[in-house]
């Protein structure tokens, strides 16, 4: 849940919702929402579908899987290119980038 706190705030602001409004939708305290956005705690996993519904997004996007996948993809491409470079196959390494 590396990106959850950032995304909760981002999606809440995109929907022009206050922390109080999100809390009211979920039946929790505004302090809980504030703690989530400050990365001091996480929402209960059972609240993720409701949060995704409120923000009209997927749970994957809410927790940042798109970002995580992109970072993993970049890492794997770099790793393969370096392996080609170490073998002296610079043409193949260049094609990876």
PDB file of N, CA and C in Angstrom:
ATOM      1  N   UNK A   1       0.828  -1.192   0.000  1.00  0.00           N
ATOM      2  CA  UNK A   1       0.000   0.000   0.000  1.00  0.00           C
ATOM      3  C   UNK A   1       0.865   1.245   0.000  1.00  0.00           C
ATOM      4  N   UNK A   2       1.905   1.164  -0.756  1.00  0.00           N
ATOM      5  CA  UNK A   2       2.897   2.210  -0.817  1.00  0.00           C
ATOM      6  C   UNK A   2       2.333   3.565  -1.223  1.00  0.00           C
ATOM      7  N   UNK A   3       1.370   3.602  -2.129  1.00  0.00           N
ATOM      8  CA  UNK A   3       0.859   4.862  -2.661  1.00  0.00           C
ATOM      9  C   UNK A   3      -0.544   5.194  -2.177  1.00  0.00           C
ATOM     10  N   UNK A   4      -1.078   4.415  -1.266  1.00  0.00           N
ATOM     11  CA  UNK A   4      -2.452   4.595  -0.831  1.00  0.00           C
ATOM     12  C   UNK A   4      -2.704   5.976  -0.250  1.00  0.00           C
ATOM     13  N   UNK A   5      -1.851   6.444   0.638  1.00  0.00           N
ATOM     14  CA  UNK A   5      -2.096   7.743   1.279  1.00  0.00           C
ATOM     15  C   UNK A   5      -2.141   8.872   0.246  1.00  0.00           C
ATOM     16  N   UNK A   6      -1.184   8.858  -0.684  1.00  0.00           N
ATOM     17  CA  UNK A   6      -1.163   9.889  -1.729  1.00  0.00           C
ATOM     18  C   UNK A   6      -2.424   9.830  -2.589  1.00  0.00           C
ATOM     19  N   UNK A   7      -2.808   8.617  -2.964  1.00  0.00           N
ATOM     20  CA  UNK A   7      -3.954   8.457  -3.853  1.00  0.00           C
ATOM     21  C   UNK A   7      -5.271   8.783  -3.175  1.00  0.00           C
ATOM     22  N   UNK A   8      -5.404   8.470  -1.895  1.00  0.00           N
ATOM     23  CA  UNK A   8      -6.629   8.843  -1.189  1.00  0.00           C
ATOM     24  C   UNK A   8      -6.836  10.352  -1.237  1.00  0.00           C
ATOM     25  N   UNK A   9      -5.782  11.077  -0.964  1.00  0.00           N
ATOM     26  CA  UNK A   9      -5.888  12.541  -1.000  1.00  0.00           C
ATOM     27  C   UNK A   9      -6.163  13.027  -2.409  1.00  0.00           C
ATOM     28  N   UNK A  10      -5.428  12.471  -3.390  1.00  0.00           N
ATOM     29  CA  UNK A  10      -5.582  12.895  -4.784  1.00  0.00           C
ATOM     30  C   UNK A  10      -7.015  12.678  -5.266  1.00  0.00           C
ATOM     31  N   UNK A  11      -7.529  11.470  -5.074  1.00  0.00           N
ATOM     32  CA  UNK A  11      -8.879  11.173  -5.549  1.00  0.00           C
ATOM     33  C   UNK A  11      -9.940  11.955  -4.777  1.00  0.00           C
ATOM     34  N   UNK A  12      -9.727  12.159  -3.484  1.00  0.00           N
ATOM     35  CA  UNK A  12     -10.683  12.945  -2.702  1.00  0.00           C
ATOM     36  C   UNK A  12     -10.753  14.369  -3.233  1.00  0.00           C
ATOM     37  N   UNK A  13      -9.592  14.949  -3.497  1.00  0.00           N
ATOM     38  CA  UNK A  13      -9.556  16.321  -4.019  1.00  0.00           C
ATOM     39  C   UNK A  13     -10.145  16.393  -5.424  1.00  0.00           C
ATOM     40  N   UNK A  14      -9.876  15.384  -6.253  1.00  0.00           N
ATOM     41  CA  UNK A  14     -10.452  15.365  -7.603  1.00  0.00           C
ATOM     42  C   UNK A  14     -11.980  15.346  -7.571  1.00  0.00           C
ATOM     43  N   UNK A  15     -12.533  14.718  -6.551  1.00  0.00           N
ATOM     44  CA  UNK A  15     -13.989  14.645  -6.384  1.00  0.00           C
ATOM     45  C   UNK A  15     -14.543  15.822  -5.588  1.00  0.00           C
ATOM     46  N   UNK A  16     -13.659  16.740  -5.197  1.00  0.00           N
ATOM     47  CA  UNK A  16     -14.050  17.910  -4.392  1.00  0.00           C
ATOM     48  C   UNK A  16     -14.783  17.494  -3.118  1.00  0.00           C
ATOM     49  N   UNK A  17     -14.245  16.482  -2.460  1.00  0.00           N
ATOM     50  CA  UNK A  17     -14.812  16.010  -1.203  1.00  0.00           C
ATOM     51  C   UNK A  17     -13.901  16.400  -0.047  1.00  0.00           C
ATOM     52  N   UNK A  18     -14.490  16.643   1.090  1.00  0.00           N
ATOM     53  CA  UNK A  18     -13.710  16.893   2.300  1.00  0.00           C
ATOM     54  C   UNK A  18     -13.453  15.564   3.002  1.00  0.00           C
ATOM     55  N   UNK A  19     -12.512  15.573   3.925  1.00  0.00           N
ATOM     56  CA  UNK A  19     -12.272  14.371   4.729  1.00  0.00           C
ATOM     57  C   UNK A  19     -13.525  14.018   5.518  1.00  0.00           C
ATOM     58  N   UNK A  20     -14.253  15.022   5.954  1.00  0.00           N
ATOM     59  CA  UNK A  20     -15.479  14.803   6.715  1.00  0.00           C
ATOM     60  C   UNK A  20     -16.530  14.092   5.864  1.00  0.00           C
ATOM     61  N   UNK A  21     -16.640  14.489   4.597  1.00  0.00           N
ATOM     62  CA  UNK A  21     -17.628  13.856   3.715  1.00  0.00           C
ATOM     63  C   UNK A  21     -17.274  12.398   3.441  1.00  0.00           C
ATOM     64  N   UNK A  22     -16.001  12.133   3.207  1.00  0.00           N
ATOM     65  CA  UNK A  22     -15.564  10.746   2.987  1.00  0.00           C
ATOM     66  C   UNK A  22     -15.850   9.918   4.239  1.00  0.00           C
ATOM     67  N   UNK A  23     -15.520  10.473   5.397  1.00  0.00           N
ATOM     68  CA  UNK A  23     -15.760   9.769   6.656  1.00  0.00           C
ATOM     69  C   UNK A  23     -17.245   9.475   6.847  1.00  0.00           C
ATOM     70  N   UNK A  24     -18.079  10.444   6.514  1.00  0.00           N
ATOM     71  CA  UNK A  24     -19.527  10.255   6.662  1.00  0.00           C
ATOM     72  C   UNK A  24     -20.029   9.135   5.741  1.00  0.00           C
ATOM     73  N   UNK A  25     -19.543   9.098   4.494  1.00  0.00           N
ATOM     74  CA  UNK A  25     -19.922   8.018   3.572  1.00  0.00           C
ATOM     75  C   UNK A  25     -19.573   6.651   4.143  1.00  0.00           C
ATOM     76  N   UNK A  26     -18.432   6.584   4.839  1.00  0.00           N
ATOM     77  CA  UNK A  26     -17.930   5.305   5.343  1.00  0.00           C
ATOM     78  C   UNK A  26     -18.395   4.978   6.757  1.00  0.00           C
ATOM     79  N   UNK A  27     -18.966   5.953   7.432  1.00  0.00           N
ATOM     80  CA  UNK A  27     -19.405   5.739   8.810  1.00  0.00           C
ATOM     81  C   UNK A  27     -18.252   5.664   9.795  1.00  0.00           C
ATOM     82  N   UNK A  28     -17.226   6.480   9.542  1.00  0.00           N
ATOM     83  CA  UNK A  28     -16.051   6.519  10.419  1.00  0.00           C
ATOM     84  C   UNK A  28     -15.774   7.970  10.797  1.00  0.00           C
ATOM     85  N   UNK A  29     -14.708   8.197  11.539  1.00  0.00           N
ATOM     86  CA  UNK A  29     -14.378   9.554  11.952  1.00  0.00           C
ATOM     87  C   UNK A  29     -13.508  10.254  10.901  1.00  0.00           C
ATOM     88  N   UNK A  30     -13.629  11.569  10.798  1.00  0.00           N
ATOM     89  CA  UNK A  30     -12.757  12.319   9.892  1.00  0.00           C
ATOM     90  C   UNK A  30     -11.280  12.165  10.269  1.00  0.00           C
ATOM     91  N   UNK A  31     -10.996  11.944  11.545  1.00  0.00           N
ATOM     92  CA  UNK A  31      -9.621  11.756  11.989  1.00  0.00           C
ATOM     93  C   UNK A  31      -8.999  10.514  11.349  1.00  0.00           C
ATOM     94  N   UNK A  32      -9.814   9.485  11.143  1.00  0.00           N
ATOM     95  CA  UNK A  32      -9.308   8.273  10.490  1.00  0.00           C
ATOM     96  C   UNK A  32      -8.871   8.580   9.062  1.00  0.00           C
ATOM     97  N   UNK A  33      -9.702   9.306   8.331  1.00  0.00           N
ATOM     98  CA  UNK A  33      -9.364   9.669   6.952  1.00  0.00           C
ATOM     99  C   UNK A  33      -8.094  10.516   6.938  1.00  0.00           C
ATOM    100  N   UNK A  34      -7.995  11.442   7.877  1.00  0.00           N
ATOM    101  CA  UNK A  34      -6.808  12.292   7.979  1.00  0.00           C
ATOM    102  C   UNK A  34      -5.558  11.455   8.223  1.00  0.00           C
ATOM    103  N   UNK A  35      -5.643  10.477   9.116  1.00  0.00           N
ATOM    104  CA  UNK A  35      -4.498   9.603   9.396  1.00  0.00           C
ATOM    105  C   UNK A  35      -4.096   8.795   8.175  1.00  0.00           C
ATOM    106  N   UNK A  36      -5.084   8.344   7.411  1.00  0.00           N
ATOM    107  CA  UNK A  36      -4.771   7.591   6.187  1.00  0.00           C
ATOM    108  C   UNK A  36      -3.990   8.460   5.216  1.00  0.00           C
ATOM    109  N   UNK A  37      -4.459   9.691   5.051  1.00  0.00           N
ATOM    110  CA  UNK A  37      -3.811  10.595   4.094  1.00  0.00           C
ATOM    111  C   UNK A  37      -2.426  11.034   4.555  1.00  0.00           C
ATOM    112  N   UNK A  38      -2.186  11.008   5.848  1.00  0.00           N
ATOM    113  CA  UNK A  38      -0.857  11.346   6.375  1.00  0.00           C
ATOM    114  C   UNK A  38       0.032  10.107   6.509  1.00  0.00           C
ATOM    115  N   UNK A  39      -0.475   8.969   6.062  1.00  0.00           N
ATOM    116  CA  UNK A  39       0.249   7.701   6.101  1.00  0.00           C
ATOM    117  C   UNK A  39       0.594   7.266   7.524  1.00  0.00           C
ATOM    118  N   UNK A  40      -0.268   7.632   8.453  1.00  0.00           N
ATOM    119  CA  UNK A  40      -0.084   7.232   9.849  1.00  0.00           C
ATOM    120  C   UNK A  40      -0.801   5.918  10.151  1.00  0.00           C
ATOM    121  N   UNK A  41      -1.782   5.578   9.318  1.00  0.00           N
ATOM    122  CA  UNK A  41      -2.487   4.305   9.444  1.00  0.00           C
ATOM    123  C   UNK A  41      -3.123   3.994   8.099  1.00  0.00           C
ATOM    124  N   UNK A  42      -3.681   2.790   8.001  1.00  0.00           N
ATOM    125  CA  UNK A  42      -4.327   2.356   6.771  1.00  0.00           C
ATOM    126  C   UNK A  42      -5.789   2.061   7.037  1.00  0.00           C
ATOM    127  N   UNK A  43      -6.623   2.205   6.013  1.00  0.00           N
ATOM    128  CA  UNK A  43      -8.018   1.793   6.197  1.00  0.00           C
ATOM    129  C   UNK A  43      -8.117   0.278   6.304  1.00  0.00           C
ATOM    130  N   UNK A  44      -9.127  -0.176   6.978  1.00  0.00           N
ATOM    131  CA  UNK A  44      -9.397  -1.603   7.018  1.00  0.00           C
ATOM    132  C   UNK A  44      -9.618  -2.075   5.591  1.00  0.00           C
ATOM    133  N   UNK A  45      -9.111  -3.249   5.282  1.00  0.00           N
ATOM    134  CA  UNK A  45      -9.202  -3.770   3.916  1.00  0.00           C
ATOM    135  C   UNK A  45     -10.648  -3.851   3.423  1.00  0.00           C
ATOM    136  N   UNK A  46     -11.581  -4.027   4.326  1.00  0.00           N
ATOM    137  CA  UNK A  46     -12.988  -4.122   3.926  1.00  0.00           C
ATOM    138  C   UNK A  46     -13.536  -2.787   3.439  1.00  0.00           C
ATOM    139  N   UNK A  47     -12.829  -1.694   3.717  1.00  0.00           N
ATOM    140  CA  UNK A  47     -13.270  -0.375   3.258  1.00  0.00           C
ATOM    141  C   UNK A  47     -12.766  -0.035   1.857  1.00  0.00           C
ATOM    142  N   UNK A  48     -11.817  -0.793   1.337  1.00  0.00           N
ATOM    143  CA  UNK A  48     -11.249  -0.462   0.022  1.00  0.00           C
ATOM    144  C   UNK A  48     -12.294  -0.465  -1.100  1.00  0.00           C
ATOM    145  N   UNK A  49     -13.197  -1.444  -1.161  1.00  0.00           N
ATOM    146  CA  UNK A  49     -14.223  -1.368  -2.220  1.00  0.00           C
ATOM    147  C   UNK A  49     -15.091  -0.116  -2.108  1.00  0.00           C
ATOM    148  N   UNK A  50     -15.449   0.251  -0.892  1.00  0.00           N
ATOM    149  CA  UNK A  50     -16.274   1.453  -0.699  1.00  0.00           C
ATOM    150  C   UNK A  50     -15.502   2.712  -1.099  1.00  0.00           C
ATOM    151  N   UNK A  51     -14.234   2.773  -0.740  1.00  0.00           N
ATOM    152  CA  UNK A  51     -13.418   3.922  -1.139  1.00  0.00           C
ATOM    153  C   UNK A  51     -13.287   4.016  -2.657  1.00  0.00           C
ATOM    154  N   UNK A  52     -13.041   2.887  -3.297  1.00  0.00           N
ATOM    155  CA  UNK A  52     -12.943   2.876  -4.755  1.00  0.00           C
ATOM    156  C   UNK A  52     -14.267   3.323  -5.376  1.00  0.00           C
ATOM    157  N   UNK A  53     -15.350   2.904  -4.782  1.00  0.00           N
ATOM    158  CA  UNK A  53     -16.668   3.299  -5.276  1.00  0.00           C
ATOM    159  C   UNK A  53     -16.893   4.802  -5.108  1.00  0.00           C
ATOM    160  N   UNK A  54     -16.555   5.334  -3.954  1.00  0.00           N
ATOM    161  CA  UNK A  54     -16.705   6.776  -3.701  1.00  0.00           C
ATOM    162  C   UNK A  54     -15.922   7.580  -4.729  1.00  0.00           C
ATOM    163  N   UNK A  55     -14.709   7.142  -5.006  1.00  0.00           N
ATOM    164  CA  UNK A  55     -13.825   7.897  -5.904  1.00  0.00           C
ATOM    165  C   UNK A  55     -13.965   7.476  -7.367  1.00  0.00           C
ATOM    166  N   UNK A  56     -14.856   6.516  -7.630  1.00  0.00           N
ATOM    167  CA  UNK A  56     -15.102   6.019  -8.990  1.00  0.00           C
ATOM    168  C   UNK A  56     -13.807   5.583  -9.673  1.00  0.00           C
ATOM    169  N   UNK A  57     -13.086   4.730  -8.972  1.00  0.00           N
ATOM    170  CA  UNK A  57     -11.844   4.175  -9.493  1.00  0.00           C
ATOM    171  C   UNK A  57     -11.755   2.714  -9.073  1.00  0.00           C
ATOM    172  N   UNK A  58     -10.680   2.070  -9.418  1.00  0.00           N
ATOM    173  CA  UNK A  58     -10.499   0.675  -9.012  1.00  0.00           C
ATOM    174  C   UNK A  58      -9.642   0.615  -7.744  1.00  0.00           C
ATOM    175  N   UNK A  59      -9.714  -0.498  -7.073  1.00  0.00           N
ATOM    176  CA  UNK A  59      -8.872  -0.698  -5.897  1.00  0.00           C
ATOM    177  C   UNK A  59      -7.405  -0.699  -6.322  1.00  0.00           C
ATOM    178  N   UNK A  60      -7.103  -1.308  -7.466  1.00  0.00           N
ATOM    179  CA  UNK A  60      -5.725  -1.327  -7.968  1.00  0.00           C
ATOM    180  C   UNK A  60      -5.166   0.084  -8.110  1.00  0.00           C
ATOM    181  N   UNK A  61      -5.932   0.972  -8.727  1.00  0.00           N
ATOM    182  CA  UNK A  61      -5.448   2.350  -8.886  1.00  0.00           C
ATOM    183  C   UNK A  61      -5.369   3.059  -7.539  1.00  0.00           C
ATOM    184  N   UNK A  62      -6.313   2.778  -6.670  1.00  0.00           N
ATOM    185  CA  UNK A  62      -6.320   3.415  -5.364  1.00  0.00           C
ATOM    186  C   UNK A  62      -5.067   3.084  -4.559  1.00  0.00           C
ATOM    187  N   UNK A  63      -4.628   1.831  -4.605  1.00  0.00           N
ATOM    188  CA  UNK A  63      -3.436   1.451  -3.848  1.00  0.00           C
ATOM    189  C   UNK A  63      -2.145   1.686  -4.619  1.00  0.00           C
ATOM    190  N   UNK A  64      -2.259   2.065  -5.893  1.00  0.00           N
ATOM    191  CA  UNK A  64      -1.070   2.436  -6.659  1.00  0.00           C
ATOM    192  C   UNK A  64      -0.441   1.319  -7.462  1.00  0.00           C
ATOM    193  N   UNK A  65      -1.212   0.280  -7.780  1.00  0.00           N
ATOM    194  CA  UNK A  65      -0.637  -0.822  -8.548  1.00  0.00           C
ATOM    195  C   UNK A  65      -0.154  -0.383  -9.921  1.00  0.00           C
ATOM    196  N   UNK A  66      -0.793   0.616 -10.505  1.00  0.00           N
ATOM    197  CA  UNK A  66      -0.339   1.105 -11.807  1.00  0.00           C
ATOM    198  C   UNK A  66       1.077   1.653 -11.702  1.00  0.00           C
ATOM    199  N   UNK A  67       1.346   2.394 -10.651  1.00  0.00           N
ATOM    200  CA  UNK A  67       2.671   2.958 -10.426  1.00  0.00           C
ATOM    201  C   UNK A  67       3.681   1.872 -10.107  1.00  0.00           C
ATOM    202  N   UNK A  68       3.289   0.940  -9.266  1.00  0.00           N
ATOM    203  CA  UNK A  68       4.177  -0.159  -8.893  1.00  0.00           C
ATOM    204  C   UNK A  68       4.533  -0.990 -10.114  1.00  0.00           C
ATOM    205  N   UNK A  69       3.548  -1.295 -10.946  1.00  0.00           N
ATOM    206  CA  UNK A  69       3.810  -2.076 -12.162  1.00  0.00           C
ATOM    207  C   UNK A  69       4.742  -1.320 -13.102  1.00  0.00           C
ATOM    208  N   UNK A  70       4.539  -0.024 -13.245  1.00  0.00           N
ATOM    209  CA  UNK A  70       5.396   0.777 -14.128  1.00  0.00           C
ATOM    210  C   UNK A  70       6.835   0.770 -13.619  1.00  0.00           C
ATOM    211  N   UNK A  71       7.013   0.907 -12.304  1.00  0.00           N
ATOM    212  CA  UNK A  71       8.363   0.892 -11.728  1.00  0.00           C
ATOM    213  C   UNK A  71       9.020  -0.476 -11.926  1.00  0.00           C
ATOM    214  N   UNK A  72       8.254  -1.533 -11.738  1.00  0.00           N
ATOM    215  CA  UNK A  72       8.782  -2.881 -11.927  1.00  0.00           C
ATOM    216  C   UNK A  72       9.177  -3.099 -13.384  1.00  0.00           C
ATOM    217  N   UNK A  73       8.348  -2.637 -14.293  1.00  0.00           N
ATOM    218  CA  UNK A  73       8.654  -2.774 -15.717  1.00  0.00           C
ATOM    219  C   UNK A  73       9.938  -2.036 -16.068  1.00  0.00           C
ATOM    220  N   UNK A  74      10.078  -0.797 -15.594  1.00  0.00           N
ATOM    221  CA  UNK A  74      11.304  -0.027 -15.864  1.00  0.00           C
ATOM    222  C   UNK A  74      12.525  -0.738 -15.285  1.00  0.00           C
ATOM    223  N   UNK A  75      12.402  -1.275 -14.090  1.00  0.00           N
ATOM    224  CA  UNK A  75      13.509  -1.980 -13.454  1.00  0.00           C
ATOM    225  C   UNK A  75      13.911  -3.200 -14.284  1.00  0.00           C
ATOM    226  N   UNK A  76      12.920  -3.971 -14.724  1.00  0.00           N
ATOM    227  CA  UNK A  76      13.216  -5.181 -15.499  1.00  0.00           C
ATOM    228  C   UNK A  76      13.864  -4.851 -16.835  1.00  0.00           C
ATOM    229  N   UNK A  77      13.420  -3.801 -17.497  1.00  0.00           N
ATOM    230  CA  UNK A  77      14.027  -3.380 -18.766  1.00  0.00           C
ATOM    231  C   UNK A  77      15.477  -2.981 -18.533  1.00  0.00           C
ATOM    232  N   UNK A  78      15.710  -2.210 -17.493  1.00  0.00           N
ATOM    233  CA  UNK A  78      17.071  -1.765 -17.173  1.00  0.00           C
ATOM    234  C   UNK A  78      17.967  -2.973 -16.864  1.00  0.00           C
ATOM    235  N   UNK A  79      17.446  -3.905 -16.088  1.00  0.00           N
ATOM    236  CA  UNK A  79      18.199  -5.092 -15.706  1.00  0.00           C
ATOM    237  C   UNK A  79      18.620  -5.904 -16.942  1.00  0.00           C
ATOM    238  N   UNK A  80      17.704  -6.065 -17.886  1.00  0.00           N
ATOM    239  CA  UNK A  80      18.014  -6.805 -19.107  1.00  0.00           C
ATOM    240  C   UNK A  80      19.036  -6.058 -19.961  1.00  0.00           C
ATOM    241  N   UNK A  81      18.882  -4.747 -20.056  1.00  0.00           N
ATOM    242  CA  UNK A  81      19.821  -3.958 -20.859  1.00  0.00           C
ATOM    243  C   UNK A  81      21.233  -4.030 -20.274  1.00  0.00           C
ATOM    244  N   UNK A  82      21.335  -3.957 -18.963  1.00  0.00           N
ATOM    245  CA  UNK A  82      22.646  -4.052 -18.312  1.00  0.00           C
ATOM    246  C   UNK A  82      23.268  -5.424 -18.569  1.00  0.00           C
ATOM    247  N   UNK A  83      22.460  -6.464 -18.538  1.00  0.00           N
ATOM    248  CA  UNK A  83      22.968  -7.815 -18.804  1.00  0.00           C
ATOM    249  C   UNK A  83      23.536  -7.900 -20.220  1.00  0.00           C
ATOM    250  N   UNK A  84      22.844  -7.306 -21.188  1.00  0.00           N
ATOM    251  CA  UNK A  84      23.361  -7.283 -22.563  1.00  0.00           C
ATOM    252  C   UNK A  84      24.672  -6.503 -22.645  1.00  0.00           C
ATOM    253  N   UNK A  85      24.720  -5.373 -21.951  1.00  0.00           N
ATOM    254  CA  UNK A  85      25.946  -4.557 -21.965  1.00  0.00           C
ATOM    255  C   UNK A  85      27.126  -5.332 -21.398  1.00  0.00           C
ATOM    256  N   UNK A  86      26.901  -6.055 -20.334  1.00  0.00           N
ATOM    257  CA  UNK A  86      27.980  -6.825 -19.706  1.00  0.00           C
ATOM    258  C   UNK A  86      28.519  -7.915 -20.627  1.00  0.00           C
ATOM    259  N   UNK A  87      27.651  -8.398 -21.514  1.00  0.00           N
ATOM    260  CA  UNK A  87      28.064  -9.414 -22.494  1.00  0.00           C
ATOM    261  C   UNK A  87      28.682  -8.763 -23.738  1.00  0.00           C
ATOM    262  N   UNK A  88      28.671  -7.433 -23.776  1.00  0.00           N
ATOM    263  CA  UNK A  88      29.214  -6.733 -24.931  1.00  0.00           C
ATOM    264  C   UNK A  88      28.233  -6.614 -26.088  1.00  0.00           C
ATOM    265  N   UNK A  89      26.999  -6.983 -25.873  1.00  0.00           N
ATOM    266  CA  UNK A  89      25.961  -6.916 -26.910  1.00  0.00           C
ATOM    267  C   UNK A  89      25.245  -5.567 -26.810  1.00  0.00           C
ATOM    268  N   UNK A  90      25.928  -4.528 -27.254  1.00  0.00           N
ATOM    269  CA  UNK A  90      25.419  -3.161 -27.104  1.00  0.00           C
ATOM    270  C   UNK A  90      24.203  -2.890 -27.985  1.00  0.00           C
ATOM    271  N   UNK A  91      24.117  -3.558 -29.127  1.00  0.00           N
ATOM    272  CA  UNK A  91      22.955  -3.368 -29.993  1.00  0.00           C
ATOM    273  C   UNK A  91      21.672  -3.844 -29.289  1.00  0.00           C
ATOM    274  N   UNK A  92      21.732  -5.007 -28.688  1.00  0.00           N
ATOM    275  CA  UNK A  92      20.555  -5.524 -27.977  1.00  0.00           C
ATOM    276  C   UNK A  92      20.237  -4.662 -26.760  1.00  0.00           C
ATOM    277  N   UNK A  93      21.274  -4.192 -26.064  1.00  0.00           N
ATOM    278  CA  UNK A  93      21.058  -3.332 -24.897  1.00  0.00           C
ATOM    279  C   UNK A  93      20.363  -2.049 -25.319  1.00  0.00           C
ATOM    280  N   UNK A  94      20.781  -1.494 -26.442  1.00  0.00           N
ATOM    281  CA  UNK A  94      20.182  -0.246 -26.922  1.00  0.00           C
ATOM    282  C   UNK A  94      18.716  -0.458 -27.285  1.00  0.00           C
ATOM    283  N   UNK A  95      18.374  -1.610 -27.836  1.00  0.00           N
ATOM    284  CA  UNK A  95      16.999  -1.900 -28.224  1.00  0.00           C
ATOM    285  C   UNK A  95      16.083  -2.010 -26.998  1.00  0.00           C
ATOM    286  N   UNK A  96      16.639  -2.364 -25.851  1.00  0.00           N
ATOM    287  CA  UNK A  96      15.828  -2.479 -24.627  1.00  0.00           C
ATOM    288  C   UNK A  96      15.354  -1.105 -24.142  1.00  0.00           C
ATOM    289  N   UNK A  97      16.105  -0.059 -24.491  1.00  0.00           N
ATOM    290  CA  UNK A  97      15.728   1.293 -24.073  1.00  0.00           C
ATOM    291  C   UNK A  97      14.961   1.904 -25.192  1.00  0.00           C
TER     292      UNK A  97
END
